[in-house]
Amino acid sequence: MGWLSIQLPSGRKLLERTTSFTPSPTPSHPLVEPSSTVAVIAGKSGVLERGHFFYCVHIAVGIREFPDIMSPRVGKGFHINTIVEGSQRFTPQSSPITYVKLQHERGWVFESTMDGQVVLAPLRSQIQRDISRAFYRVLHTSINVYSGPTFESPVIGTRANLVECRERLQIQVPTGASCSNTWVFLKLRHAPGWVSETSRDGLDKLVDPIEGDATTVENPKFYKVKLTVPVLAAPDVDGPRLQGSFPKQVHSIVESSLRYTPPESTMTYVKLAHEPGWIYETTLAGDCILDTLTKEPAKQHGKFFYRARAKLRVLVSPEPSSAVLKHLDEHTVFCGALQFSLPESDVVYAAVKDKGWVALDRPSASKVTVERISESMYQLCINPPSWVAVGYPNRSWFKVPDEGGNRDILAVETTAQNELFADRNTLSSSSLGVDSIPLVRHGYVATETAVIPVVLEEIKHPANAILLTFPWKQLWWHVSFPDKSVVVVELQHGLHGGFRAVFCNGNVMAQSRLLWDSGDTIEVAAAGHTFQVSIVLEGGAAFFSSAVQYYTYSLVVDGHPIRMSTYKDN
């Protein structure tokens, strides 16, 4: 199978279209006895017959490279009731198996198995074979489809519409001492089976050939399904459905890559663009199934990063009825370079970098299953650092725990702090979390004249028996003003001792100790700006419960809160 070029790039024509074509049938010479000789093939001596042999496959058989049942396989082989044409028969010495060399393919097949089962049944009649594509119209309400090119074969179906065939087999069947009937069978192109041109006695014509070729238009289109339509394996309304496919439901949107119309047919078939299979535009009665959409799909190119908040399906194509390629587990991060939405649909699909599509949440969805994240968060999940430096004026390096080779603790702790203050939309922190995990997050202060970037560094220190210290929290807000000046506000807070201290650029601005620490607000001034540090005790009703009662920390710059950076700020 393949394609031929009509002309060269220079414009010189290679093929000329003709208005008529007379097929040259494959001749058969049943009356001429095959010639037999002794030959050696593949190291085996035996009897070689040359001639023209036709067989009907009774047991599916593979093609061998040499006339040996243990020889390597080549080609695809033959299914049951297929007609096989051979040019040589070879029977090795002392072997019960006779091998047949194929006429139109490379390789050998065997007539029987080692235990005597018939694989290839010889066709003794005079045969003419024409392998070409052709279309026929059915002249009756329906005609039978046989499993083989004989009327004795089992009936496996019926045909009531246009028939597309790829092979024409003419068989002379003797009916008496001096007369015979001619049977002509057509092999279906898109489905297994054969149909007959005439009845058994040859008096009633069942099909009539159609002049012309099928019309093929390669023009991608979008359709809206108005009636439920099955997905076919080929452009044949009477053919089999595509195995493993599901019908396209009403109101679903599909994209096509090709339209195919057989000659003298009212049926137009549409090839699906993102998955195998065909559907048709109208029913046999003329009812519209597919409504063409004129609106183009919405596409947005760029870099997009996401986190799965639930188990997600990765689809083969950006369509609701698409097959599932794989699944993404919860908390998995992924990126893509395209967001795609079908016309007249509010569902947006994100192209997964590896392969496939993920449906994002609808605007009206009550549950978040796919979260858009920033590139920095994505990199923190994919390539977390082994060491992190925090602090001012002296930077301290902290080793990131990697128990079992898993360093996702940074992403987990960062996400936990962000989610805690998501409703407030502030770059704040809390006393919750794992000890000795350095975190770095980003935010900004939006004023009337400028947007001031802020970096928050933090770490929770554990209790130290040697230094006689309680657990304490240390935070640094790096505020970069438009005049290139940077003010670093540091907060130290003892979680059990009531100690708190505020530093600006390393200088102590305020410090105190409270016996009962229920929070505090400290306001300091530096570099012509005011900074208000707040310590708030959350969950006050749960006394002495470290699981429910915790502290939160926030900073206000010149009366403006610090907002948390999101993917929109990249």
Protein backbone atom coordinates (compact mmCIF):
# COMPACT_ATOMS: atom_id res chain seq x y z
CA MET A 1 0.00 0.00 0.00
CA GLY A 2 1.21 3.52 -0.67
CA TRP A 3 0.75 6.75 -2.60
CA LEU A 4 1.82 7.94 -6.05
CA SER A 5 2.70 11.52 -6.91
CA ILE A 6 0.70 13.02 -9.79
CA GLN A 7 3.43 15.46 -10.77
CA LEU A 8 6.96 16.55 -9.88
CA PRO A 9 7.60 19.78 -7.89
CA SER A 10 8.65 21.32 -11.20
CA GLY A 11 5.16 20.71 -12.59
CA ARG A 12 6.02 17.85 -14.91
CA LYS A 13 3.14 15.34 -14.94
CA LEU A 14 3.85 11.74 -14.01
CA LEU A 15 0.34 10.26 -14.15
CA GLU A 16 -2.42 10.89 -16.69
CA ARG A 17 -6.06 10.43 -15.71
CA THR A 18 -8.09 8.21 -18.08
CA THR A 19 -11.84 8.27 -18.66
CA SER A 20 -12.17 4.50 -19.08
CA PHE A 21 -10.40 1.48 -17.69
CA THR A 22 -10.54 -2.16 -18.72
CA PRO A 23 -9.14 -4.40 -15.97
CA SER A 24 -6.78 -7.16 -16.96
CA PRO A 25 -7.98 -10.25 -15.16
CA THR A 26 -5.52 -12.63 -13.65
CA PRO A 27 -5.58 -15.64 -15.97
CA SER A 28 -5.81 -19.15 -14.71
CA HIS A 29 -4.75 -22.26 -16.57
CA PRO A 30 -6.51 -25.13 -14.86
CA LEU A 31 -6.29 -27.33 -17.94
CA VAL A 32 -2.51 -27.03 -18.18
CA GLU A 33 -0.76 -29.50 -15.94
CA PRO A 34 1.88 -27.95 -13.68
CA SER A 35 5.48 -28.86 -14.46
CA SER A 36 7.32 -30.83 -11.80
CA THR A 37 11.05 -30.91 -11.16
CA VAL A 38 13.41 -31.89 -8.37
CA ALA A 39 14.88 -28.84 -6.67
CA VAL A 40 16.78 -27.80 -3.56
CA ILE A 41 15.33 -24.81 -1.67
CA ALA A 42 16.72 -23.51 1.62
CA GLY A 43 18.92 -26.58 1.91
CA LYS A 44 16.04 -29.03 1.43
CA SER A 45 15.59 -31.35 -1.54
CA GLY A 46 12.10 -32.03 -2.83
CA VAL A 47 9.59 -31.88 -5.65
CA LEU A 48 8.89 -28.42 -7.08
CA GLU A 49 5.78 -27.73 -9.18
CA ARG A 50 5.43 -24.59 -11.25
CA GLY A 51 2.01 -23.34 -12.31
CA HIS A 52 -0.92 -21.23 -11.18
CA PHE A 53 -2.65 -22.35 -7.98
CA PHE A 54 -5.64 -20.93 -6.13
CA TYR A 55 -6.61 -21.76 -2.55
CA CYS A 56 -9.22 -20.79 0.01
CA VAL A 57 -7.85 -20.37 3.54
CA HIS A 58 -9.57 -22.71 6.03
CA ILE A 59 -7.25 -21.99 8.99
CA ALA A 60 -5.55 -18.62 9.52
CA VAL A 61 -1.96 -19.00 8.36
CA GLY A 62 1.21 -16.95 8.61
CA ILE A 63 3.70 -16.30 5.82
CA ARG A 64 7.13 -17.93 6.17
CA GLU A 65 10.34 -16.64 4.66
CA PHE A 66 11.38 -20.11 3.45
CA PRO A 67 9.46 -23.37 2.82
CA ASP A 68 9.94 -24.47 6.41
CA ILE A 69 7.28 -24.43 9.13
CA MET A 70 9.90 -23.18 11.61
CA SER A 71 11.16 -20.43 9.29
CA PRO A 72 10.84 -16.77 10.42
CA ARG A 73 7.56 -15.07 9.64
CA VAL A 74 7.20 -12.26 7.12
CA GLY A 75 4.16 -10.18 6.25
CA LYS A 76 0.79 -10.22 7.99
CA GLY A 77 -0.56 -13.64 6.99
CA PHE A 78 -4.03 -14.59 5.77
CA HIS A 79 -7.38 -14.79 7.55
CA ILE A 80 -10.02 -17.48 7.12
CA ASN A 81 -11.82 -17.59 3.71
CA THR A 82 -9.19 -15.44 2.03
CA ILE A 83 -8.25 -16.39 -1.54
CA VAL A 84 -4.53 -17.16 -1.91
CA GLU A 85 -2.77 -17.24 -5.27
CA GLY A 86 0.47 -19.22 -5.68
CA SER A 87 3.07 -19.78 -8.38
CA GLN A 88 4.97 -22.79 -6.97
CA ARG A 89 4.32 -25.86 -4.80
CA PHE A 90 7.24 -27.44 -2.99
CA THR A 91 7.14 -30.73 -1.09
CA PRO A 92 10.39 -31.52 0.76
CA GLN A 93 11.58 -35.10 0.73
CA SER A 94 9.95 -37.26 3.47
CA SER A 95 7.78 -34.31 4.58
CA PRO A 96 3.97 -34.48 4.92
CA ILE A 97 3.70 -30.72 4.32
CA THR A 98 3.48 -29.02 0.93
CA TYR A 99 4.48 -25.36 0.76
CA VAL A 100 3.06 -22.78 -1.66
CA LYS A 101 5.05 -19.80 -2.91
CA LEU A 102 2.86 -16.71 -3.09
CA GLN A 103 2.24 -15.08 -6.44
CA HIS A 104 1.92 -11.45 -5.33
CA GLU A 105 3.82 -11.42 -2.03
CA ARG A 106 7.18 -12.58 -0.74
CA GLY A 107 7.15 -15.79 1.23
CA TRP A 108 5.63 -19.24 1.55
CA VAL A 109 2.52 -20.73 3.17
CA PHE A 110 1.75 -24.38 3.88
CA GLU A 111 -1.22 -26.42 2.66
CA SER A 112 -1.65 -28.49 5.83
CA THR A 113 -0.37 -28.86 9.37
CA MET A 114 1.85 -31.63 10.71
CA ASP A 115 -1.21 -33.55 11.96
CA GLY A 116 -2.97 -33.33 8.59
CA GLN A 117 -5.40 -30.43 9.15
CA VAL A 118 -6.22 -28.61 5.91
CA VAL A 119 -4.97 -25.02 5.95
CA LEU A 120 -5.33 -24.18 2.25
CA ALA A 121 -8.16 -25.82 0.31
CA PRO A 122 -7.43 -25.86 -3.45
CA LEU A 123 -9.97 -24.27 -5.78
CA ARG A 124 -10.27 -26.66 -8.73
CA SER A 125 -12.47 -24.40 -10.87
CA GLN A 126 -11.31 -22.04 -13.60
CA ILE A 127 -10.69 -18.68 -11.92
CA GLN A 128 -10.16 -15.10 -13.03
CA ARG A 129 -9.06 -12.66 -10.37
CA ASP A 130 -9.08 -8.88 -10.56
CA ILE A 131 -7.62 -6.92 -7.64
CA SER A 132 -8.91 -3.36 -7.98
CA ARG A 133 -11.10 -0.93 -6.11
CA ALA A 134 -14.69 -0.62 -7.35
CA PHE A 135 -18.14 0.54 -6.23
CA TYR A 136 -21.47 -1.26 -6.74
CA ARG A 137 -25.08 -0.35 -6.03
CA VAL A 138 -27.35 -2.97 -4.46
CA LEU A 139 -30.34 -3.71 -6.72
CA HIS A 140 -32.44 -5.52 -4.11
CA THR A 141 -33.69 -4.69 -0.65
CA SER A 142 -30.69 -6.56 0.76
CA ILE A 143 -28.15 -9.15 -0.34
CA ASN A 144 -26.25 -11.76 1.65
CA VAL A 145 -22.62 -11.43 2.69
CA TYR A 146 -20.80 -14.78 2.64
CA SER A 147 -17.70 -15.66 4.61
CA GLY A 148 -16.05 -17.08 1.46
CA PRO A 149 -16.42 -16.78 -2.33
CA THR A 150 -18.97 -19.60 -2.56
CA PHE A 151 -22.69 -19.93 -1.97
CA GLU A 152 -21.95 -22.80 0.43
CA SER A 153 -20.07 -20.45 2.79
CA PRO A 154 -21.88 -19.28 5.94
CA VAL A 155 -23.85 -16.05 5.66
CA ILE A 156 -22.27 -13.51 8.03
CA GLY A 157 -24.42 -10.46 7.24
CA THR A 158 -26.40 -8.50 4.70
CA ARG A 159 -25.88 -5.37 2.59
CA ALA A 160 -28.60 -2.93 1.62
CA ASN A 161 -26.65 0.08 0.39
CA LEU A 162 -23.61 0.92 -1.64
CA VAL A 163 -20.91 -1.77 -1.73
CA GLU A 164 -17.20 -0.91 -1.99
CA CYS A 165 -14.99 -3.83 -3.03
CA ARG A 166 -11.28 -4.44 -3.47
CA GLU A 167 -11.28 -7.75 -5.36
CA ARG A 168 -13.39 -9.44 -8.05
CA LEU A 169 -13.28 -13.23 -8.36
CA GLN A 170 -14.85 -15.03 -11.33
CA ILE A 171 -15.26 -18.80 -10.89
CA GLN A 172 -16.36 -21.36 -13.49
CA VAL A 173 -18.48 -23.98 -11.72
CA PRO A 174 -19.32 -27.13 -13.73
CA THR A 175 -23.03 -28.05 -13.64
CA GLY A 176 -22.94 -31.02 -15.96
CA ALA A 177 -20.85 -32.97 -18.39
CA SER A 178 -20.50 -30.13 -20.88
CA CYS A 179 -21.87 -26.97 -19.26
CA SER A 180 -20.93 -24.72 -16.36
CA ASN A 181 -22.06 -21.62 -14.48
CA THR A 182 -20.01 -18.50 -13.89
CA TRP A 183 -20.07 -17.13 -10.37
CA VAL A 184 -18.63 -13.70 -9.66
CA PHE A 185 -17.90 -12.75 -6.06
CA LEU A 186 -16.79 -9.36 -4.76
CA LYS A 187 -14.60 -9.04 -1.68
CA LEU A 188 -15.67 -6.19 0.60
CA ARG A 189 -13.10 -3.45 1.08
CA HIS A 190 -13.82 -2.35 4.64
CA ALA A 191 -15.21 -5.52 6.24
CA PRO A 192 -14.70 -9.28 6.01
CA GLY A 193 -16.92 -11.14 3.57
CA TRP A 194 -17.92 -11.62 -0.05
CA VAL A 195 -21.05 -10.68 -2.02
CA SER A 196 -22.21 -12.19 -5.30
CA GLU A 197 -22.91 -10.24 -8.47
CA THR A 198 -25.75 -12.58 -9.43
CA SER A 199 -27.89 -15.32 -7.95
CA ARG A 200 -26.72 -18.93 -7.89
CA ASP A 201 -28.30 -19.70 -11.29
CA GLY A 202 -26.95 -16.46 -12.78
CA LEU A 203 -30.39 -15.20 -13.85
CA ASP A 204 -30.93 -12.51 -11.22
CA LYS A 205 -28.49 -9.60 -11.02
CA LEU A 206 -27.84 -8.48 -7.44
CA VAL A 207 -25.42 -5.54 -7.84
CA ASP A 208 -24.54 -3.11 -10.60
CA PRO A 209 -21.14 -1.37 -11.02
CA ILE A 210 -20.91 2.40 -10.53
CA GLU A 211 -18.70 4.61 -12.66
CA GLY A 212 -16.62 7.25 -10.94
CA ASP A 213 -14.44 7.68 -7.88
CA ALA A 214 -15.09 8.65 -4.30
CA THR A 215 -14.74 12.33 -3.43
CA THR A 216 -12.23 13.14 -0.71
CA VAL A 217 -11.91 16.61 0.82
CA GLU A 218 -9.14 17.29 3.34
CA ASN A 219 -10.63 20.24 5.19
CA PRO A 220 -10.67 20.22 9.02
CA LYS A 221 -14.10 21.11 10.37
CA PHE A 222 -15.95 21.17 13.66
CA TYR A 223 -19.36 19.60 14.07
CA LYS A 224 -22.01 19.55 16.75
CA VAL A 225 -23.74 16.17 17.10
CA LYS A 226 -27.54 16.42 16.80
CA LEU A 227 -28.28 12.66 16.91
CA THR A 228 -26.32 9.92 18.64
CA VAL A 229 -24.01 8.37 16.04
CA PRO A 230 -21.76 5.29 16.30
CA VAL A 231 -18.06 5.40 15.44
CA LEU A 232 -17.33 3.14 12.46
CA ALA A 233 -14.08 1.39 11.64
CA ALA A 234 -14.30 2.54 8.00
CA PRO A 235 -16.45 4.82 5.81
CA ASP A 236 -19.17 2.19 5.43
CA VAL A 237 -22.56 2.56 7.13
CA ASP A 238 -23.09 -1.21 6.97
CA GLY A 239 -19.57 -1.95 8.19
CA PRO A 240 -18.48 -2.88 11.72
CA ARG A 241 -18.16 -0.37 14.51
CA LEU A 242 -14.73 0.56 15.76
CA GLN A 243 -13.78 -1.82 18.55
CA GLY A 244 -13.54 -0.13 21.94
CA SER A 245 -15.23 3.08 20.80
CA PHE A 246 -18.31 4.77 22.21
CA PRO A 247 -21.04 6.53 20.21
CA LYS A 248 -20.83 10.30 19.93
CA GLN A 249 -23.55 11.73 22.14
CA VAL A 250 -25.96 14.56 21.39
CA HIS A 251 -24.50 18.10 21.84
CA SER A 252 -20.91 16.82 21.81
CA ILE A 253 -18.36 18.63 19.61
CA VAL A 254 -16.13 16.67 17.22
CA GLU A 255 -13.36 17.71 14.85
CA SER A 256 -12.84 16.10 11.47
CA SER A 257 -9.77 15.89 9.27
CA LEU A 258 -11.36 14.53 6.10
CA ARG A 259 -14.73 14.17 4.33
CA TYR A 260 -15.38 11.14 2.12
CA THR A 261 -18.32 10.67 -0.27
CA PRO A 262 -18.65 7.49 -2.40
CA PRO A 263 -19.91 7.95 -5.98
CA GLU A 264 -23.69 8.23 -6.41
CA SER A 265 -24.11 8.14 -2.63
CA THR A 266 -26.11 10.42 -0.37
CA MET A 267 -23.89 9.46 2.57
CA THR A 268 -20.90 11.62 3.47
CA TYR A 269 -18.47 10.20 6.00
CA VAL A 270 -16.30 12.23 8.35
CA LYS A 271 -12.93 11.00 9.59
CA LEU A 272 -12.25 11.96 13.21
CA ALA A 273 -9.20 14.17 13.66
CA HIS A 274 -7.88 13.10 17.06
CA GLU A 275 -8.85 9.43 17.24
CA PRO A 276 -9.42 6.54 14.84
CA GLY A 277 -12.84 6.02 13.34
CA TRP A 278 -15.49 7.50 11.07
CA ILE A 279 -18.96 8.97 11.55
CA TYR A 280 -21.51 10.14 8.97
CA GLU A 281 -23.25 13.47 8.43
CA THR A 282 -26.79 12.21 7.70
CA THR A 283 -28.85 9.07 8.14
CA LEU A 284 -30.03 6.93 5.23
CA ALA A 285 -33.41 8.66 5.55
CA GLY A 286 -31.74 12.07 5.19
CA ASP A 287 -31.94 13.21 8.83
CA CYS A 288 -29.10 15.55 9.79
CA ILE A 289 -26.68 14.11 12.35
CA LEU A 290 -23.81 16.60 12.27
CA ASP A 291 -24.26 20.36 12.28
CA THR A 292 -21.28 22.28 10.88
CA LEU A 293 -19.91 24.97 13.19
CA THR A 294 -18.57 28.15 11.62
CA LYS A 295 -16.93 29.48 14.78
CA GLU A 296 -13.25 28.67 15.17
CA PRO A 297 -11.90 27.02 18.34
CA ALA A 298 -10.17 29.18 20.92
CA LYS A 299 -6.44 28.51 21.24
CA GLN A 300 -3.93 30.05 23.60
CA HIS A 301 -0.23 29.26 23.27
CA GLY A 302 2.31 29.70 26.04
CA LYS A 303 3.56 27.97 29.16
CA PHE A 304 0.91 26.67 31.53
CA PHE A 305 1.51 24.85 34.80
CA TYR A 306 -1.03 22.85 36.79
CA ARG A 307 -1.43 20.69 39.88
CA ALA A 308 -3.95 17.85 40.06
CA ARG A 309 -6.22 18.29 43.09
CA ALA A 310 -7.92 14.96 42.30
CA LYS A 311 -7.28 11.97 40.07
CA LEU A 312 -7.45 13.24 36.49
CA ARG A 313 -8.12 11.58 33.15
CA VAL A 314 -5.70 12.26 30.30
CA LEU A 315 -7.70 12.12 27.06
CA VAL A 316 -6.53 11.16 23.60
CA SER A 317 -8.20 14.23 22.06
CA PRO A 318 -9.73 17.48 23.37
CA GLU A 319 -13.29 16.15 23.21
CA PRO A 320 -15.66 15.07 26.00
CA SER A 321 -16.22 11.63 24.45
CA SER A 322 -12.54 10.96 23.79
CA ALA A 323 -10.85 7.76 24.91
CA VAL A 324 -8.78 7.85 28.10
CA LEU A 325 -5.04 7.60 27.51
CA LYS A 326 -3.93 7.40 31.15
CA HIS A 327 -4.59 8.91 34.59
CA LEU A 328 -2.74 11.48 36.69
CA ASP A 329 -2.65 10.91 40.43
CA GLU A 330 -3.61 13.57 42.94
CA HIS A 331 -0.93 16.22 43.65
CA THR A 332 0.80 15.50 40.33
CA VAL A 333 2.10 18.61 38.58
CA PHE A 334 2.24 18.92 34.80
CA CYS A 335 2.82 21.57 32.18
CA GLY A 336 1.60 22.29 28.68
CA ALA A 337 2.10 24.69 25.81
CA LEU A 338 -1.50 25.02 24.63
CA GLN A 339 -4.98 25.68 25.98
CA PHE A 340 -7.77 24.66 23.63
CA SER A 341 -11.54 25.04 23.79
CA LEU A 342 -14.10 23.76 21.31
CA PRO A 343 -16.56 26.21 19.74
CA GLU A 344 -19.84 26.60 21.61
CA SER A 345 -18.32 24.92 24.67
CA ASP A 346 -17.16 26.29 28.03
CA VAL A 347 -14.69 23.45 28.63
CA VAL A 348 -11.01 24.31 28.23
CA TYR A 349 -8.49 21.55 27.55
CA ALA A 350 -4.80 21.74 28.39
CA ALA A 351 -2.29 19.85 26.27
CA VAL A 352 -0.06 17.67 28.45
CA LYS A 353 3.61 18.04 27.59
CA ASP A 354 4.16 14.29 27.20
CA LYS A 355 0.96 13.36 25.35
CA GLY A 356 -2.77 13.82 25.75
CA TRP A 357 -5.26 16.42 26.97
CA VAL A 358 -6.69 17.29 30.39
CA ALA A 359 -10.08 18.94 30.78
CA LEU A 360 -9.89 21.95 33.11
CA ASP A 361 -12.65 22.85 35.53
CA ARG A 362 -15.68 24.64 34.13
CA PRO A 363 -16.28 28.19 35.39
CA SER A 364 -19.38 26.92 37.21
CA ALA A 365 -17.64 23.93 38.82
CA SER A 366 -18.17 23.59 42.57
CA LYS A 367 -15.02 21.54 43.13
CA VAL A 368 -11.48 22.33 42.05
CA THR A 369 -9.83 19.35 40.35
CA VAL A 370 -7.10 21.19 38.40
CA GLU A 371 -5.21 24.09 39.98
CA ARG A 372 -3.20 26.56 37.93
CA ILE A 373 0.19 27.17 39.58
CA SER A 374 3.17 29.40 38.89
CA GLU A 375 6.32 28.29 37.14
CA SER A 376 8.34 28.70 40.35
CA MET A 377 5.99 26.32 42.17
CA TYR A 378 6.20 23.87 39.26
CA GLN A 379 10.00 23.92 39.36
CA LEU A 380 9.90 23.51 43.14
CA CYS A 381 7.91 20.30 42.65
CA ILE A 382 9.93 18.96 39.71
CA ASN A 383 13.47 20.04 40.65
CA PRO A 384 13.57 20.89 44.37
CA PRO A 385 16.90 22.25 45.66
CA SER A 386 19.06 20.28 48.08
CA TRP A 387 20.05 23.39 50.07
CA VAL A 388 18.19 26.67 50.71
CA ALA A 389 19.71 29.92 52.02
CA VAL A 390 17.63 32.30 54.17
CA GLY A 391 18.35 35.15 56.58
CA TYR A 392 19.71 38.70 56.80
CA PRO A 393 22.31 40.15 57.04
CA ASN A 394 24.05 36.77 57.27
CA ARG A 395 22.71 34.03 55.01
CA SER A 396 22.36 30.57 56.57
CA TRP A 397 22.20 27.44 54.43
CA PHE A 398 19.81 24.66 55.45
CA LYS A 399 19.84 21.11 54.10
CA VAL A 400 16.49 19.95 52.70
CA PRO A 401 15.56 16.53 54.12
CA ASP A 402 15.52 13.85 51.42
CA GLU A 403 14.40 10.74 53.24
CA GLY A 404 14.02 7.98 50.68
CA GLY A 405 15.24 10.32 47.93
CA ASN A 406 12.02 12.35 48.17
CA ARG A 407 12.56 16.11 48.49
CA ASP A 408 8.99 17.25 47.87
CA ILE A 409 8.76 18.52 51.46
CA LEU A 410 9.47 22.06 50.19
CA ALA A 411 6.54 21.97 47.77
CA VAL A 412 4.25 20.41 50.38
CA GLU A 413 5.06 22.98 53.07
CA THR A 414 4.90 25.91 50.65
CA THR A 415 1.51 24.76 49.37
CA ALA A 416 0.22 24.32 52.92
CA GLN A 417 1.17 27.87 53.90
CA ASN A 418 -0.33 29.31 50.70
CA GLU A 419 -3.61 27.43 51.09
CA LEU A 420 -3.94 28.58 54.70
CA PHE A 421 -4.09 32.22 53.57
CA ALA A 422 -5.71 31.74 50.15
CA ASP A 423 -8.99 33.29 51.30
CA ARG A 424 -7.21 36.35 52.69
CA ASN A 425 -4.98 36.71 49.61
CA THR A 426 -2.06 37.88 51.73
CA LEU A 427 1.57 36.77 51.87
CA SER A 428 1.42 35.63 55.50
CA SER A 429 2.80 32.71 57.47
CA SER A 430 1.87 30.53 60.42
CA SER A 431 3.53 28.60 63.21
CA LEU A 432 2.24 25.35 61.73
CA GLY A 433 4.43 23.08 59.65
CA VAL A 434 7.51 20.92 59.91
CA ASP A 435 10.59 22.06 61.83
CA SER A 436 13.83 23.07 60.06
CA ILE A 437 12.25 23.47 56.61
CA PRO A 438 13.34 26.76 54.98
CA LEU A 439 10.66 28.30 52.79
CA VAL A 440 10.90 31.14 50.26
CA ARG A 441 7.72 32.71 48.85
CA HIS A 442 6.94 35.78 46.78
CA GLY A 443 4.38 38.57 46.91
CA TYR A 444 3.88 42.23 46.20
CA VAL A 445 2.54 45.47 47.66
CA ALA A 446 0.17 47.30 45.34
CA THR A 447 0.15 51.07 45.90
CA GLU A 448 -1.41 53.86 43.88
CA THR A 449 1.85 54.52 42.04
CA ALA A 450 3.82 51.27 41.99
CA VAL A 451 3.92 47.55 42.60
CA ILE A 452 6.55 46.71 45.20
CA PRO A 453 7.95 43.14 45.10
CA VAL A 454 8.34 41.30 48.40
CA VAL A 455 10.18 38.07 49.24
CA LEU A 456 9.24 36.20 52.41
CA GLU A 457 11.80 33.81 53.93
CA GLU A 458 10.92 31.76 56.98
CA ILE A 459 11.97 28.80 59.07
CA LYS A 460 10.61 27.14 62.18
CA HIS A 461 13.35 26.21 64.65
CA PRO A 462 12.86 23.21 66.95
CA ALA A 463 13.46 23.24 70.72
CA ASN A 464 17.10 22.85 71.71
CA ALA A 465 17.92 21.22 75.05
CA ILE A 466 21.57 22.28 74.89
CA LEU A 467 20.80 25.95 74.24
CA LEU A 468 17.73 25.81 76.51
CA THR A 469 15.47 27.29 73.83
CA PHE A 470 11.81 26.69 73.07
CA PRO A 471 10.54 26.22 69.49
CA TRP A 472 10.58 29.56 67.71
CA LYS A 473 9.70 31.05 64.34
CA GLN A 474 11.96 33.32 62.31
CA LEU A 475 10.75 35.34 59.30
CA TRP A 476 12.32 37.88 56.92
CA TRP A 477 10.32 40.16 54.61
CA HIS A 478 12.59 41.58 51.84
CA VAL A 479 10.77 44.70 50.55
CA SER A 480 12.30 46.23 47.37
CA PHE A 481 11.10 49.81 46.89
CA PRO A 482 11.07 51.64 43.51
CA ASP A 483 13.97 53.88 44.59
CA LYS A 484 16.22 50.75 44.65
CA SER A 485 16.27 50.69 48.46
CA VAL A 486 15.62 47.37 50.19
CA VAL A 487 14.30 47.04 53.73
CA VAL A 488 14.44 43.65 55.42
CA VAL A 489 11.98 43.28 58.30
CA GLU A 490 12.83 40.34 60.56
CA LEU A 491 10.53 38.81 63.16
CA GLN A 492 11.60 36.37 65.87
CA HIS A 493 8.82 34.79 67.88
CA GLY A 494 9.08 32.20 70.65
CA LEU A 495 6.16 29.81 70.36
CA HIS A 496 6.03 28.93 74.07
CA GLY A 497 8.07 31.59 75.87
CA GLY A 498 6.21 34.71 74.68
CA PHE A 499 9.40 36.31 73.30
CA ARG A 500 9.18 38.50 70.20
CA ALA A 501 11.67 40.81 68.47
CA VAL A 502 11.50 42.95 65.33
CA PHE A 503 14.60 43.94 63.31
CA CYS A 504 14.98 46.30 60.35
CA ASN A 505 18.07 45.67 58.21
CA GLY A 506 19.63 43.84 61.16
CA ASN A 507 18.93 46.55 63.76
CA VAL A 508 16.73 45.79 66.75
CA MET A 509 13.60 47.92 66.58
CA ALA A 510 11.49 46.30 69.30
CA GLN A 511 11.58 43.28 71.60
CA SER A 512 9.53 42.06 74.57
CA ARG A 513 8.37 38.99 76.44
CA LEU A 514 4.79 38.24 77.53
CA LEU A 515 3.76 35.70 80.14
CA TRP A 516 0.53 34.99 78.29
CA ASP A 517 1.12 35.33 74.55
CA SER A 518 -2.19 36.00 72.81
CA GLY A 519 -0.66 37.92 69.91
CA ASP A 520 0.66 41.39 69.35
CA THR A 521 1.01 44.23 66.84
CA ILE A 522 4.33 46.04 66.52
CA GLU A 523 4.78 49.12 64.34
CA VAL A 524 8.23 50.37 63.37
CA ALA A 525 9.61 52.96 60.92
CA ALA A 526 12.67 52.69 58.71
CA ALA A 527 13.97 54.38 55.53
CA GLY A 528 10.96 56.69 55.47
CA HIS A 529 8.41 53.85 55.54
CA THR A 530 6.23 52.35 58.25
CA PHE A 531 5.97 48.62 58.87
CA GLN A 532 3.33 46.96 61.00
CA VAL A 533 4.07 43.40 62.13
CA SER A 534 1.10 41.40 63.43
CA ILE A 535 1.15 38.22 65.51
CA VAL A 536 -2.32 36.72 65.83
CA LEU A 537 -3.34 33.73 67.94
CA GLU A 538 -5.74 31.59 65.90
CA GLY A 539 -8.13 29.02 67.36
CA GLY A 540 -8.23 30.76 70.73
CA ALA A 541 -11.06 28.57 72.05
CA ALA A 542 -8.88 25.46 71.89
CA PHE A 543 -6.66 26.17 74.89
CA PHE A 544 -3.23 24.52 74.93
CA SER A 545 -3.96 22.55 71.73
CA SER A 546 -0.97 22.79 69.39
CA ALA A 547 -2.98 21.04 66.67
CA VAL A 548 -5.77 23.65 66.60
CA GLN A 549 -4.22 26.71 68.27
CA TYR A 550 -1.47 28.39 66.27
CA TYR A 551 -0.01 31.81 65.44
CA THR A 552 -0.17 33.70 62.15
CA TYR A 553 2.26 36.39 61.04
CA SER A 554 1.71 39.22 58.56
CA LEU A 555 3.29 42.53 57.56
CA VAL A 556 1.65 45.76 56.39
CA VAL A 557 3.84 48.24 54.45
CA ASP A 558 2.76 51.89 54.57
CA GLY A 559 -0.78 50.77 55.30
CA HIS A 560 -0.91 48.30 52.37
CA PRO A 561 -1.07 44.53 52.87
CA ILE A 562 1.30 42.19 51.04
CA ARG A 563 -0.54 40.18 48.39
CA MET A 564 0.42 36.65 47.45
CA SER A 565 1.92 36.18 43.98
CA THR A 566 0.09 33.81 41.64
CA TYR A 567 0.64 32.43 38.14
CA LYS A 568 -0.89 35.63 36.74
CA ASP A 569 2.02 37.67 38.14
CA ASN A 570 4.74 35.72 36.28
